[in-house]
């Protein structure tokens, strides 16, 4: 029987250069602090915030390293990531930035919404 989570057979794993292989974390699937299995490619679990989503759920609850598998993530298949992790070509700066808008998540800021964008408008 073939183990579908065998790292040698994983469809989302790329051929990392040696300098990117060490200290990344586990190669096998793991359970994060929310009880969700990361790295099994199901992206579904009864404990997932996606299955218990309400209007009060803060999307930031699903951010951070514990939601991304260090070796098996679909994002590694992007050309920019393959260039960097397989060929050592650094990404071009600014490709994901908007020239005049701050799209940063503003949760927890004490300033009113209108005031937050005021420094960009001047």
PDB file of N, CA and C in Angstrom:
ATOM      1  N   UNK A   1       0.842  -1.179   0.000  1.00  0.00           N
ATOM      2  CA  UNK A   1       0.000   0.000   0.000  1.00  0.00           C
ATOM      3  C   UNK A   1       0.891   1.248   0.000  1.00  0.00           C
ATOM      4  N   UNK A   2       0.570   2.227  -0.862  1.00  0.00           N
ATOM      5  CA  UNK A   2       1.343   3.458  -0.968  1.00  0.00           C
ATOM      6  C   UNK A   2       0.791   4.488   0.011  1.00  0.00           C
ATOM      7  N   UNK A   3       1.669   5.091   0.803  1.00  0.00           N
ATOM      8  CA  UNK A   3       1.269   6.142   1.728  1.00  0.00           C
ATOM      9  C   UNK A   3       1.145   7.442   0.956  1.00  0.00           C
ATOM     10  N   UNK A   4      -0.067   8.008   0.872  1.00  0.00           N
ATOM     11  CA  UNK A   4      -0.274   9.223   0.092  1.00  0.00           C
ATOM     12  C   UNK A   4       0.476  10.414   0.674  1.00  0.00           C
ATOM     13  N   UNK A   5       0.920  10.343   1.925  1.00  0.00           N
ATOM     14  CA  UNK A   5       1.662  11.432   2.542  1.00  0.00           C
ATOM     15  C   UNK A   5       3.176  11.202   2.543  1.00  0.00           C
ATOM     16  N   UNK A   6       3.642  10.231   1.771  1.00  0.00           N
ATOM     17  CA  UNK A   6       5.064   9.992   1.634  1.00  0.00           C
ATOM     18  C   UNK A   6       5.699  11.215   0.978  1.00  0.00           C
ATOM     19  N   UNK A   7       6.644  11.923   1.663  1.00  0.00           N
ATOM     20  CA  UNK A   7       7.232  13.129   1.088  1.00  0.00           C
ATOM     21  C   UNK A   7       7.865  12.911  -0.285  1.00  0.00           C
ATOM     22  N   UNK A   8       8.338  11.705  -0.556  1.00  0.00           N
ATOM     23  CA  UNK A   8       8.947  11.440  -1.863  1.00  0.00           C
ATOM     24  C   UNK A   8       7.913  11.474  -2.980  1.00  0.00           C
ATOM     25  N   UNK A   9       6.647  11.274  -2.642  1.00  0.00           N
ATOM     26  CA  UNK A   9       5.593  11.235  -3.648  1.00  0.00           C
ATOM     27  C   UNK A   9       4.685  12.462  -3.623  1.00  0.00           C
ATOM     28  N   UNK A  10       4.976  13.417  -2.743  1.00  0.00           N
ATOM     29  CA  UNK A  10       4.057  14.519  -2.545  1.00  0.00           C
ATOM     30  C   UNK A  10       3.950  15.444  -3.746  1.00  0.00           C
ATOM     31  N   UNK A  11       2.730  15.739  -4.203  1.00  0.00           N
ATOM     32  CA  UNK A  11       2.558  16.590  -5.379  1.00  0.00           C
ATOM     33  C   UNK A  11       2.840  18.067  -5.124  1.00  0.00           C
ATOM     34  N   UNK A  12       2.880  18.505  -3.869  1.00  0.00           N
ATOM     35  CA  UNK A  12       3.103  19.918  -3.566  1.00  0.00           C
ATOM     36  C   UNK A  12       4.525  20.207  -3.091  1.00  0.00           C
ATOM     37  N   UNK A  13       5.351  19.200  -3.008  1.00  0.00           N
ATOM     38  CA  UNK A  13       6.720  19.404  -2.550  1.00  0.00           C
ATOM     39  C   UNK A  13       7.618  19.683  -3.746  1.00  0.00           C
ATOM     40  N   UNK A  14       8.526  20.630  -3.582  1.00  0.00           N
ATOM     41  CA  UNK A  14       9.468  20.969  -4.643  1.00  0.00           C
ATOM     42  C   UNK A  14      10.858  20.491  -4.254  1.00  0.00           C
ATOM     43  N   UNK A  15      11.794  20.610  -5.177  1.00  0.00           N
ATOM     44  CA  UNK A  15      13.166  20.167  -4.947  1.00  0.00           C
ATOM     45  C   UNK A  15      13.958  21.316  -4.318  1.00  0.00           C
ATOM     46  N   UNK A  16      13.831  21.482  -2.991  1.00  0.00           N
ATOM     47  CA  UNK A  16      14.499  22.564  -2.280  1.00  0.00           C
ATOM     48  C   UNK A  16      16.011  22.460  -2.401  1.00  0.00           C
ATOM     49  N   UNK A  17      16.671  23.605  -2.603  1.00  0.00           N
ATOM     50  CA  UNK A  17      18.130  23.642  -2.529  1.00  0.00           C
ATOM     51  C   UNK A  17      18.534  23.238  -1.114  1.00  0.00           C
ATOM     52  N   UNK A  18      19.754  22.704  -0.947  1.00  0.00           N
ATOM     53  CA  UNK A  18      20.175  22.244   0.393  1.00  0.00           C
ATOM     54  C   UNK A  18      20.025  23.307   1.486  1.00  0.00           C
ATOM     55  N   UNK A  19      20.313  24.571   1.177  1.00  0.00           N
ATOM     56  CA  UNK A  19      20.226  25.608   2.211  1.00  0.00           C
ATOM     57  C   UNK A  19      18.796  25.864   2.682  1.00  0.00           C
ATOM     58  N   UNK A  20      17.793  25.397   1.938  1.00  0.00           N
ATOM     59  CA  UNK A  20      16.404  25.589   2.335  1.00  0.00           C
ATOM     60  C   UNK A  20      15.775  24.325   2.915  1.00  0.00           C
ATOM     61  N   UNK A  21      16.530  23.243   3.039  1.00  0.00           N
ATOM     62  CA  UNK A  21      15.983  21.986   3.543  1.00  0.00           C
ATOM     63  C   UNK A  21      16.104  21.833   5.048  1.00  0.00           C
ATOM     64  N   UNK A  22      17.094  22.455   5.651  1.00  0.00           N
ATOM     65  CA  UNK A  22      17.372  22.247   7.070  1.00  0.00           C
ATOM     66  C   UNK A  22      16.630  23.252   7.940  1.00  0.00           C
ATOM     67  N   UNK A  23      16.089  22.765   9.048  1.00  0.00           N
ATOM     68  CA  UNK A  23      15.411  23.621  10.005  1.00  0.00           C
ATOM     69  C   UNK A  23      14.037  24.101   9.574  1.00  0.00           C
ATOM     70  N   UNK A  24      13.465  23.505   8.547  1.00  0.00           N
ATOM     71  CA  UNK A  24      12.155  23.933   8.046  1.00  0.00           C
ATOM     72  C   UNK A  24      11.015  23.432   8.914  1.00  0.00           C
ATOM     73  N   UNK A  25      11.170  22.269   9.502  1.00  0.00           N
ATOM     74  CA  UNK A  25      10.086  21.651  10.253  1.00  0.00           C
ATOM     75  C   UNK A  25       9.838  20.248   9.739  1.00  0.00           C
ATOM     76  N   UNK A  26       8.712  19.665  10.136  1.00  0.00           N
ATOM     77  CA  UNK A  26       8.447  18.267   9.790  1.00  0.00           C
ATOM     78  C   UNK A  26       8.104  18.067   8.320  1.00  0.00           C
ATOM     79  N   UNK A  27       8.490  16.912   7.781  1.00  0.00           N
ATOM     80  CA  UNK A  27       8.106  16.550   6.417  1.00  0.00           C
ATOM     81  C   UNK A  27       6.742  15.858   6.395  1.00  0.00           C
ATOM     82  N   UNK A  28       6.391  15.225   7.491  1.00  0.00           N
ATOM     83  CA  UNK A  28       5.103  14.531   7.533  1.00  0.00           C
ATOM     84  C   UNK A  28       4.012  15.508   7.996  1.00  0.00           C
ATOM     85  N   UNK A  29       2.739  15.173   7.767  1.00  0.00           N
ATOM     86  CA  UNK A  29       1.653  16.029   8.246  1.00  0.00           C
ATOM     87  C   UNK A  29       1.728  16.198   9.760  1.00  0.00           C
ATOM     88  N   UNK A  30       1.214  17.327  10.245  1.00  0.00           N
ATOM     89  CA  UNK A  30       1.203  17.593  11.677  1.00  0.00           C
ATOM     90  C   UNK A  30      -0.133  18.228  12.050  1.00  0.00           C
ATOM     91  N   UNK A  31      -0.427  18.211  13.340  1.00  0.00           N
ATOM     92  CA  UNK A  31      -1.660  18.806  13.859  1.00  0.00           C
ATOM     93  C   UNK A  31      -1.281  20.134  14.511  1.00  0.00           C
ATOM     94  N   UNK A  32      -1.945  21.232  14.079  1.00  0.00           N
ATOM     95  CA  UNK A  32      -1.621  22.541  14.655  1.00  0.00           C
ATOM     96  C   UNK A  32      -2.397  22.775  15.948  1.00  0.00           C
ATOM     97  N   UNK A  33      -2.238  23.955  16.533  1.00  0.00           N
ATOM     98  CA  UNK A  33      -2.854  24.234  17.832  1.00  0.00           C
ATOM     99  C   UNK A  33      -4.381  24.283  17.775  1.00  0.00           C
ATOM    100  N   UNK A  34      -4.957  24.392  16.581  1.00  0.00           N
ATOM    101  CA  UNK A  34      -6.417  24.356  16.440  1.00  0.00           C
ATOM    102  C   UNK A  34      -6.933  22.952  16.210  1.00  0.00           C
ATOM    103  N   UNK A  35      -6.046  21.958  16.194  1.00  0.00           N
ATOM    104  CA  UNK A  35      -6.458  20.578  15.979  1.00  0.00           C
ATOM    105  C   UNK A  35      -6.651  20.224  14.520  1.00  0.00           C
ATOM    106  N   UNK A  36      -6.134  21.063  13.619  1.00  0.00           N
ATOM    107  CA  UNK A  36      -6.283  20.840  12.184  1.00  0.00           C
ATOM    108  C   UNK A  36      -5.025  20.166  11.638  1.00  0.00           C
ATOM    109  N   UNK A  37      -5.207  19.121  10.837  1.00  0.00           N
ATOM    110  CA  UNK A  37      -4.079  18.431  10.221  1.00  0.00           C
ATOM    111  C   UNK A  37      -3.574  19.286   9.056  1.00  0.00           C
ATOM    112  N   UNK A  38      -2.289  19.611   9.085  1.00  0.00           N
ATOM    113  CA  UNK A  38      -1.651  20.415   8.041  1.00  0.00           C
ATOM    114  C   UNK A  38      -0.690  19.509   7.274  1.00  0.00           C
ATOM    115  N   UNK A  39      -0.834  19.492   5.953  1.00  0.00           N
ATOM    116  CA  UNK A  39       0.051  18.687   5.124  1.00  0.00           C
ATOM    117  C   UNK A  39      -0.589  17.419   4.608  1.00  0.00           C
ATOM    118  N   UNK A  40      -1.902  17.234   4.847  1.00  0.00           N
ATOM    119  CA  UNK A  40      -2.568  16.038   4.325  1.00  0.00           C
ATOM    120  C   UNK A  40      -3.337  16.346   3.041  1.00  0.00           C
ATOM    121  N   UNK A  41      -3.325  17.608   2.610  1.00  0.00           N
ATOM    122  CA  UNK A  41      -3.967  18.081   1.378  1.00  0.00           C
ATOM    123  C   UNK A  41      -5.479  18.012   1.401  1.00  0.00           C
ATOM    124  N   UNK A  42      -6.065  17.733   2.553  1.00  0.00           N
ATOM    125  CA  UNK A  42      -7.515  17.719   2.644  1.00  0.00           C
ATOM    126  C   UNK A  42      -8.046  19.120   2.931  1.00  0.00           C
ATOM    127  N   UNK A  43      -7.255  19.925   3.637  1.00  0.00           N
ATOM    128  CA  UNK A  43      -7.647  21.287   4.005  1.00  0.00           C
ATOM    129  C   UNK A  43      -9.032  21.312   4.632  1.00  0.00           C
ATOM    130  N   UNK A  44      -9.369  20.239   5.322  1.00  0.00           N
ATOM    131  CA  UNK A  44     -10.680  20.146   5.935  1.00  0.00           C
ATOM    132  C   UNK A  44     -10.555  19.309   7.193  1.00  0.00           C
ATOM    133  N   UNK A  45     -11.170  19.764   8.227  1.00  0.00           N
ATOM    134  CA  UNK A  45     -11.159  19.051   9.485  1.00  0.00           C
ATOM    135  C   UNK A  45     -12.293  19.625  10.328  1.00  0.00           C
ATOM    136  N   UNK A  46     -12.944  18.820  11.143  1.00  0.00           N
ATOM    137  CA  UNK A  46     -14.056  19.337  11.958  1.00  0.00           C
ATOM    138  C   UNK A  46     -13.627  20.492  12.869  1.00  0.00           C
ATOM    139  N   UNK A  47     -12.343  20.526  13.261  1.00  0.00           N
ATOM    140  CA  UNK A  47     -11.853  21.567  14.160  1.00  0.00           C
ATOM    141  C   UNK A  47     -11.468  22.861  13.428  1.00  0.00           C
ATOM    142  N   UNK A  48     -11.432  22.830  12.118  1.00  0.00           N
ATOM    143  CA  UNK A  48     -10.987  23.989  11.347  1.00  0.00           C
ATOM    144  C   UNK A  48     -11.909  25.181  11.542  1.00  0.00           C
ATOM    145  N   UNK A  49     -11.348  26.385  11.707  1.00  0.00           N
ATOM    146  CA  UNK A  49     -12.195  27.575  11.757  1.00  0.00           C
ATOM    147  C   UNK A  49     -13.070  27.713  10.516  1.00  0.00           C
ATOM    148  N   UNK A  50     -12.640  27.163   9.389  1.00  0.00           N
ATOM    149  CA  UNK A  50     -13.471  27.235   8.187  1.00  0.00           C
ATOM    150  C   UNK A  50     -14.787  26.485   8.363  1.00  0.00           C
ATOM    151  N   UNK A  51     -14.779  25.446   9.178  1.00  0.00           N
ATOM    152  CA  UNK A  51     -15.999  24.676   9.428  1.00  0.00           C
ATOM    153  C   UNK A  51     -16.815  25.214  10.593  1.00  0.00           C
ATOM    154  N   UNK A  52     -16.285  26.223  11.280  1.00  0.00           N
ATOM    155  CA  UNK A  52     -17.010  26.835  12.391  1.00  0.00           C
ATOM    156  C   UNK A  52     -17.066  28.355  12.217  1.00  0.00           C
ATOM    157  N   UNK A  53     -17.045  28.809  10.970  1.00  0.00           N
ATOM    158  CA  UNK A  53     -16.963  30.237  10.658  1.00  0.00           C
ATOM    159  C   UNK A  53     -18.261  30.948  11.024  1.00  0.00           C
ATOM    160  N   UNK A  54     -18.133  32.134  11.628  1.00  0.00           N
ATOM    161  CA  UNK A  54     -19.280  33.001  11.899  1.00  0.00           C
ATOM    162  C   UNK A  54     -18.878  34.423  11.518  1.00  0.00           C
ATOM    163  N   UNK A  55     -19.809  35.344  11.624  1.00  0.00           N
ATOM    164  CA  UNK A  55     -19.484  36.747  11.338  1.00  0.00           C
ATOM    165  C   UNK A  55     -18.516  37.310  12.372  1.00  0.00           C
ATOM    166  N   UNK A  56     -18.365  36.638  13.508  1.00  0.00           N
ATOM    167  CA  UNK A  56     -17.449  37.089  14.555  1.00  0.00           C
ATOM    168  C   UNK A  56     -16.045  36.487  14.428  1.00  0.00           C
ATOM    169  N   UNK A  57     -15.838  35.594  13.475  1.00  0.00           N
ATOM    170  CA  UNK A  57     -14.531  34.955  13.323  1.00  0.00           C
ATOM    171  C   UNK A  57     -13.546  35.918  12.681  1.00  0.00           C
ATOM    172  N   UNK A  58     -12.418  36.104  13.317  1.00  0.00           N
ATOM    173  CA  UNK A  58     -11.358  36.949  12.777  1.00  0.00           C
ATOM    174  C   UNK A  58     -10.518  36.087  11.835  1.00  0.00           C
ATOM    175  N   UNK A  59     -10.385  36.458  10.554  1.00  0.00           N
ATOM    176  CA  UNK A  59      -9.605  35.651   9.612  1.00  0.00           C
ATOM    177  C   UNK A  59      -8.150  35.444  10.051  1.00  0.00           C
ATOM    178  N   UNK A  60      -7.643  36.308  10.900  1.00  0.00           N
ATOM    179  CA  UNK A  60      -6.259  36.177  11.368  1.00  0.00           C
ATOM    180  C   UNK A  60      -6.045  34.898  12.166  1.00  0.00           C
ATOM    181  N   UNK A  61      -7.149  34.276  12.636  1.00  0.00           N
ATOM    182  CA  UNK A  61      -7.031  33.029  13.385  1.00  0.00           C
ATOM    183  C   UNK A  61      -6.394  31.931  12.528  1.00  0.00           C
ATOM    184  N   UNK A  62      -6.472  32.083  11.203  1.00  0.00           N
ATOM    185  CA  UNK A  62      -5.890  31.076  10.301  1.00  0.00           C
ATOM    186  C   UNK A  62      -4.639  31.597   9.604  1.00  0.00           C
ATOM    187  N   UNK A  63      -3.868  32.422  10.289  1.00  0.00           N
ATOM    188  CA  UNK A  63      -2.626  32.918   9.698  1.00  0.00           C
ATOM    189  C   UNK A  63      -1.438  32.431  10.518  1.00  0.00           C
ATOM    190  N   UNK A  64      -0.291  32.483   9.928  1.00  0.00           N
ATOM    191  CA  UNK A  64       0.924  32.088  10.627  1.00  0.00           C
ATOM    192  C   UNK A  64       1.469  30.762  10.154  1.00  0.00           C
ATOM    193  N   UNK A  65       2.654  30.466  10.641  1.00  0.00           N
ATOM    194  CA  UNK A  65       3.375  29.269  10.215  1.00  0.00           C
ATOM    195  C   UNK A  65       2.648  27.968  10.514  1.00  0.00           C
ATOM    196  N   UNK A  66       1.838  27.944  11.563  1.00  0.00           N
ATOM    197  CA  UNK A  66       1.181  26.688  11.913  1.00  0.00           C
ATOM    198  C   UNK A  66       0.095  26.299  10.909  1.00  0.00           C
ATOM    199  N   UNK A  67      -0.208  27.165   9.944  1.00  0.00           N
ATOM    200  CA  UNK A  67      -1.208  26.878   8.922  1.00  0.00           C
ATOM    201  C   UNK A  67      -0.573  26.545   7.576  1.00  0.00           C
ATOM    202  N   UNK A  68       0.751  26.564   7.507  1.00  0.00           N
ATOM    203  CA  UNK A  68       1.463  26.282   6.253  1.00  0.00           C
ATOM    204  C   UNK A  68       2.438  25.147   6.509  1.00  0.00           C
ATOM    205  N   UNK A  69       2.381  24.122   5.684  1.00  0.00           N
ATOM    206  CA  UNK A  69       3.325  23.020   5.839  1.00  0.00           C
ATOM    207  C   UNK A  69       4.681  23.459   5.304  1.00  0.00           C
ATOM    208  N   UNK A  70       5.772  23.183   6.035  1.00  0.00           N
ATOM    209  CA  UNK A  70       7.087  23.670   5.616  1.00  0.00           C
ATOM    210  C   UNK A  70       7.634  23.038   4.335  1.00  0.00           C
ATOM    211  N   UNK A  71       7.108  21.913   3.928  1.00  0.00           N
ATOM    212  CA  UNK A  71       7.568  21.253   2.708  1.00  0.00           C
ATOM    213  C   UNK A  71       6.464  21.040   1.685  1.00  0.00           C
ATOM    214  N   UNK A  72       5.224  20.868   2.147  1.00  0.00           N
ATOM    215  CA  UNK A  72       4.132  20.472   1.258  1.00  0.00           C
ATOM    216  C   UNK A  72       3.052  21.541   1.231  1.00  0.00           C
ATOM    217  N   UNK A  73       3.274  22.593   0.483  1.00  0.00           N
ATOM    218  CA  UNK A  73       2.274  23.645   0.375  1.00  0.00           C
ATOM    219  C   UNK A  73       2.093  23.993  -1.092  1.00  0.00           C
ATOM    220  N   UNK A  74       0.861  24.163  -1.509  1.00  0.00           N
ATOM    221  CA  UNK A  74       0.580  24.442  -2.912  1.00  0.00           C
ATOM    222  C   UNK A  74       1.270  25.723  -3.382  1.00  0.00           C
ATOM    223  N   UNK A  75       1.527  26.642  -2.458  1.00  0.00           N
ATOM    224  CA  UNK A  75       2.203  27.887  -2.811  1.00  0.00           C
ATOM    225  C   UNK A  75       3.624  27.685  -3.318  1.00  0.00           C
ATOM    226  N   UNK A  76       4.247  26.582  -2.956  1.00  0.00           N
ATOM    227  CA  UNK A  76       5.603  26.322  -3.434  1.00  0.00           C
ATOM    228  C   UNK A  76       5.640  26.083  -4.939  1.00  0.00           C
ATOM    229  N   UNK A  77       4.498  25.768  -5.539  1.00  0.00           N
ATOM    230  CA  UNK A  77       4.469  25.502  -6.977  1.00  0.00           C
ATOM    231  C   UNK A  77       4.462  26.783  -7.821  1.00  0.00           C
ATOM    232  N   UNK A  78       4.271  27.944  -7.200  1.00  0.00           N
ATOM    233  CA  UNK A  78       4.307  29.213  -7.944  1.00  0.00           C
ATOM    234  C   UNK A  78       5.702  29.425  -8.522  1.00  0.00           C
ATOM    235  N   UNK A  79       5.766  30.021  -9.700  1.00  0.00           N
ATOM    236  CA  UNK A  79       7.050  30.245 -10.364  1.00  0.00           C
ATOM    237  C   UNK A  79       8.029  31.012  -9.481  1.00  0.00           C
ATOM    238  N   UNK A  80       7.539  32.046  -8.777  1.00  0.00           N
ATOM    239  CA  UNK A  80       8.419  32.854  -7.933  1.00  0.00           C
ATOM    240  C   UNK A  80       9.043  32.017  -6.822  1.00  0.00           C
ATOM    241  N   UNK A  81       8.250  31.141  -6.216  1.00  0.00           N
ATOM    242  CA  UNK A  81       8.761  30.296  -5.135  1.00  0.00           C
ATOM    243  C   UNK A  81       9.704  29.223  -5.663  1.00  0.00           C
ATOM    244  N   UNK A  82       9.393  28.661  -6.810  1.00  0.00           N
ATOM    245  CA  UNK A  82      10.293  27.654  -7.398  1.00  0.00           C
ATOM    246  C   UNK A  82      11.629  28.289  -7.749  1.00  0.00           C
ATOM    247  N   UNK A  83      11.591  29.493  -8.343  1.00  0.00           N
ATOM    248  CA  UNK A  83      12.840  30.187  -8.670  1.00  0.00           C
ATOM    249  C   UNK A  83      13.691  30.384  -7.425  1.00  0.00           C
ATOM    250  N   UNK A  84      13.054  30.794  -6.332  1.00  0.00           N
ATOM    251  CA  UNK A  84      13.808  31.075  -5.116  1.00  0.00           C
ATOM    252  C   UNK A  84      14.299  29.802  -4.437  1.00  0.00           C
ATOM    253  N   UNK A  85      13.400  28.875  -4.161  1.00  0.00           N
ATOM    254  CA  UNK A  85      13.760  27.693  -3.376  1.00  0.00           C
ATOM    255  C   UNK A  85      14.492  26.614  -4.160  1.00  0.00           C
ATOM    256  N   UNK A  86      14.308  26.550  -5.476  1.00  0.00           N
ATOM    257  CA  UNK A  86      14.990  25.531  -6.277  1.00  0.00           C
ATOM    258  C   UNK A  86      16.222  26.071  -7.006  1.00  0.00           C
ATOM    259  N   UNK A  87      16.197  27.380  -7.357  1.00  0.00           N
ATOM    260  CA  UNK A  87      17.291  27.950  -8.142  1.00  0.00           C
ATOM    261  C   UNK A  87      18.066  29.035  -7.416  1.00  0.00           C
ATOM    262  N   UNK A  88      17.557  29.505  -6.267  1.00  0.00           N
ATOM    263  CA  UNK A  88      18.245  30.544  -5.515  1.00  0.00           C
ATOM    264  C   UNK A  88      18.072  31.940  -6.087  1.00  0.00           C
ATOM    265  N   UNK A  89      17.109  32.147  -6.976  1.00  0.00           N
ATOM    266  CA  UNK A  89      16.856  33.467  -7.569  1.00  0.00           C
ATOM    267  C   UNK A  89      15.907  34.226  -6.641  1.00  0.00           C
ATOM    268  N   UNK A  90      16.374  35.324  -6.023  1.00  0.00           N
ATOM    269  CA  UNK A  90      15.495  36.052  -5.096  1.00  0.00           C
ATOM    270  C   UNK A  90      14.323  36.707  -5.816  1.00  0.00           C
ATOM    271  N   UNK A  91      13.188  36.861  -5.118  1.00  0.00           N
ATOM    272  CA  UNK A  91      12.016  37.484  -5.744  1.00  0.00           C
ATOM    273  C   UNK A  91      12.271  38.957  -6.045  1.00  0.00           C
ATOM    274  N   UNK A  92      11.576  39.468  -7.046  1.00  0.00           N
ATOM    275  CA  UNK A  92      11.669  40.883  -7.393  1.00  0.00           C
ATOM    276  C   UNK A  92      10.951  41.699  -6.314  1.00  0.00           C
ATOM    277  N   UNK A  93      11.567  42.775  -5.830  1.00  0.00           N
ATOM    278  CA  UNK A  93      10.907  43.567  -4.784  1.00  0.00           C
ATOM    279  C   UNK A  93       9.694  44.314  -5.325  1.00  0.00           C
ATOM    280  N   UNK A  94       8.694  44.435  -4.478  1.00  0.00           N
ATOM    281  CA  UNK A  94       7.535  45.250  -4.790  1.00  0.00           C
ATOM    282  C   UNK A  94       6.479  44.629  -5.668  1.00  0.00           C
ATOM    283  N   UNK A  95       6.619  43.372  -6.078  1.00  0.00           N
ATOM    284  CA  UNK A  95       5.639  42.814  -7.011  1.00  0.00           C
ATOM    285  C   UNK A  95       4.272  42.601  -6.388  1.00  0.00           C
ATOM    286  N   UNK A  96       4.201  42.525  -5.046  1.00  0.00           N
ATOM    287  CA  UNK A  96       2.917  42.324  -4.394  1.00  0.00           C
ATOM    288  C   UNK A  96       2.462  43.584  -3.656  1.00  0.00           C
ATOM    289  N   UNK A  97       3.052  44.714  -3.981  1.00  0.00           N
ATOM    290  CA  UNK A  97       2.712  45.958  -3.299  1.00  0.00           C
ATOM    291  C   UNK A  97       1.889  46.859  -4.209  1.00  0.00           C
ATOM    292  N   UNK A  98       0.954  47.567  -3.600  1.00  0.00           N
ATOM    293  CA  UNK A  98       0.167  48.543  -4.341  1.00  0.00           C
ATOM    294  C   UNK A  98       0.887  49.880  -4.201  1.00  0.00           C
ATOM    295  N   UNK A  99       1.038  50.636  -5.277  1.00  0.00           N
ATOM    296  CA  UNK A  99       1.853  51.849  -5.226  1.00  0.00           C
ATOM    297  C   UNK A  99       1.348  52.943  -4.286  1.00  0.00           C
ATOM    298  N   UNK A 100       0.040  53.033  -4.042  1.00  0.00           N
ATOM    299  CA  UNK A 100      -0.436  54.129  -3.196  1.00  0.00           C
ATOM    300  C   UNK A 100      -1.505  53.727  -2.183  1.00  0.00           C
ATOM    301  N   UNK A 101      -1.672  52.443  -1.915  1.00  0.00           N
ATOM    302  CA  UNK A 101      -2.664  51.971  -0.947  1.00  0.00           C
ATOM    303  C   UNK A 101      -1.988  51.096   0.104  1.00  0.00           C
ATOM    304  N   UNK A 102      -2.384  51.289   1.346  1.00  0.00           N
ATOM    305  CA  UNK A 102      -1.912  50.437   2.426  1.00  0.00           C
ATOM    306  C   UNK A 102      -2.983  49.377   2.670  1.00  0.00           C
ATOM    307  N   UNK A 103      -2.714  48.159   2.261  1.00  0.00           N
ATOM    308  CA  UNK A 103      -3.685  47.083   2.398  1.00  0.00           C
ATOM    309  C   UNK A 103      -3.404  46.216   3.620  1.00  0.00           C
ATOM    310  N   UNK A 104      -2.564  46.698   4.510  1.00  0.00           N
ATOM    311  CA  UNK A 104      -2.217  45.941   5.711  1.00  0.00           C
ATOM    312  C   UNK A 104      -3.438  45.767   6.600  1.00  0.00           C
ATOM    313  N   UNK A 105      -3.502  44.646   7.273  1.00  0.00           N
ATOM    314  CA  UNK A 105      -4.590  44.336   8.183  1.00  0.00           C
ATOM    315  C   UNK A 105      -4.495  45.267   9.392  1.00  0.00           C
ATOM    316  N   UNK A 106      -5.550  46.003   9.704  1.00  0.00           N
ATOM    317  CA  UNK A 106      -5.502  47.041  10.727  1.00  0.00           C
ATOM    318  C   UNK A 106      -6.185  46.647  12.034  1.00  0.00           C
ATOM    319  N   UNK A 107      -6.381  45.378  12.295  1.00  0.00           N
ATOM    320  CA  UNK A 107      -7.041  44.961  13.530  1.00  0.00           C
ATOM    321  C   UNK A 107      -6.224  45.403  14.732  1.00  0.00           C
ATOM    322  N   UNK A 108      -6.901  45.870  15.734  1.00  0.00           N
ATOM    323  CA  UNK A 108      -6.232  46.234  16.966  1.00  0.00           C
ATOM    324  C   UNK A 108      -5.714  47.661  16.996  1.00  0.00           C
ATOM    325  N   UNK A 109      -5.800  48.379  15.901  1.00  0.00           N
ATOM    326  CA  UNK A 109      -5.361  49.771  15.913  1.00  0.00           C
ATOM    327  C   UNK A 109      -6.412  50.614  16.614  1.00  0.00           C
ATOM    328  N   UNK A 110      -5.957  51.601  17.362  1.00  0.00           N
ATOM    329  CA  UNK A 110      -6.880  52.450  18.109  1.00  0.00           C
ATOM    330  C   UNK A 110      -7.439  53.590  17.280  1.00  0.00           C
ATOM    331  N   UNK A 111      -6.845  53.863  16.131  1.00  0.00           N
ATOM    332  CA  UNK A 111      -7.281  55.002  15.327  1.00  0.00           C
ATOM    333  C   UNK A 111      -8.558  54.669  14.569  1.00  0.00           C
ATOM    334  N   UNK A 112      -9.420  55.668  14.349  1.00  0.00           N
ATOM    335  CA  UNK A 112     -10.626  55.436  13.543  1.00  0.00           C
ATOM    336  C   UNK A 112     -10.249  55.085  12.106  1.00  0.00           C
ATOM    337  N   UNK A 113     -11.140  54.369  11.434  1.00  0.00           N
ATOM    338  CA  UNK A 113     -10.906  53.905  10.059  1.00  0.00           C
ATOM    339  C   UNK A 113     -10.506  55.044   9.128  1.00  0.00           C
ATOM    340  N   UNK A 114     -11.225  56.188   9.180  1.00  0.00           N
ATOM    341  CA  UNK A 114     -10.928  57.311   8.297  1.00  0.00           C
ATOM    342  C   UNK A 114      -9.513  57.823   8.508  1.00  0.00           C
ATOM    343  N   UNK A 115      -9.123  57.916   9.771  1.00  0.00           N
ATOM    344  CA  UNK A 115      -7.810  58.461  10.110  1.00  0.00           C
ATOM    345  C   UNK A 115      -6.689  57.545   9.652  1.00  0.00           C
ATOM    346  N   UNK A 116      -6.916  56.217   9.615  1.00  0.00           N
ATOM    347  CA  UNK A 116      -5.875  55.270   9.265  1.00  0.00           C
ATOM    348  C   UNK A 116      -5.329  55.522   7.865  1.00  0.00           C
ATOM    349  N   UNK A 117      -6.159  55.901   6.926  1.00  0.00           N
ATOM    350  CA  UNK A 117      -5.699  56.120   5.561  1.00  0.00           C
ATOM    351  C   UNK A 117      -5.285  57.545   5.286  1.00  0.00           C
ATOM    352  N   UNK A 118      -5.444  58.453   6.265  1.00  0.00           N
ATOM    353  CA  UNK A 118      -5.199  59.861   6.012  1.00  0.00           C
ATOM    354  C   UNK A 118      -3.758  60.159   5.635  1.00  0.00           C
ATOM    355  N   UNK A 119      -2.778  59.449   6.235  1.00  0.00           N
ATOM    356  CA  UNK A 119      -1.396  59.761   5.909  1.00  0.00           C
ATOM    357  C   UNK A 119      -1.052  59.366   4.478  1.00  0.00           C
ATOM    358  N   UNK A 120      -1.817  58.446   3.899  1.00  0.00           N
ATOM    359  CA  UNK A 120      -1.563  58.058   2.520  1.00  0.00           C
ATOM    360  C   UNK A 120      -2.162  59.050   1.521  1.00  0.00           C
ATOM    361  N   UNK A 121      -3.169  59.782   1.976  1.00  0.00           N
ATOM    362  CA  UNK A 121      -3.858  60.709   1.081  1.00  0.00           C
ATOM    363  C   UNK A 121      -3.151  62.030   0.976  1.00  0.00           C
ATOM    364  N   UNK A 122      -2.268  62.370   1.911  1.00  0.00           N
ATOM    365  CA  UNK A 122      -1.611  63.676   1.871  1.00  0.00           C
ATOM    366  C   UNK A 122      -0.417  63.704   0.969  1.00  0.00           C
TER     367      UNK A 122
END
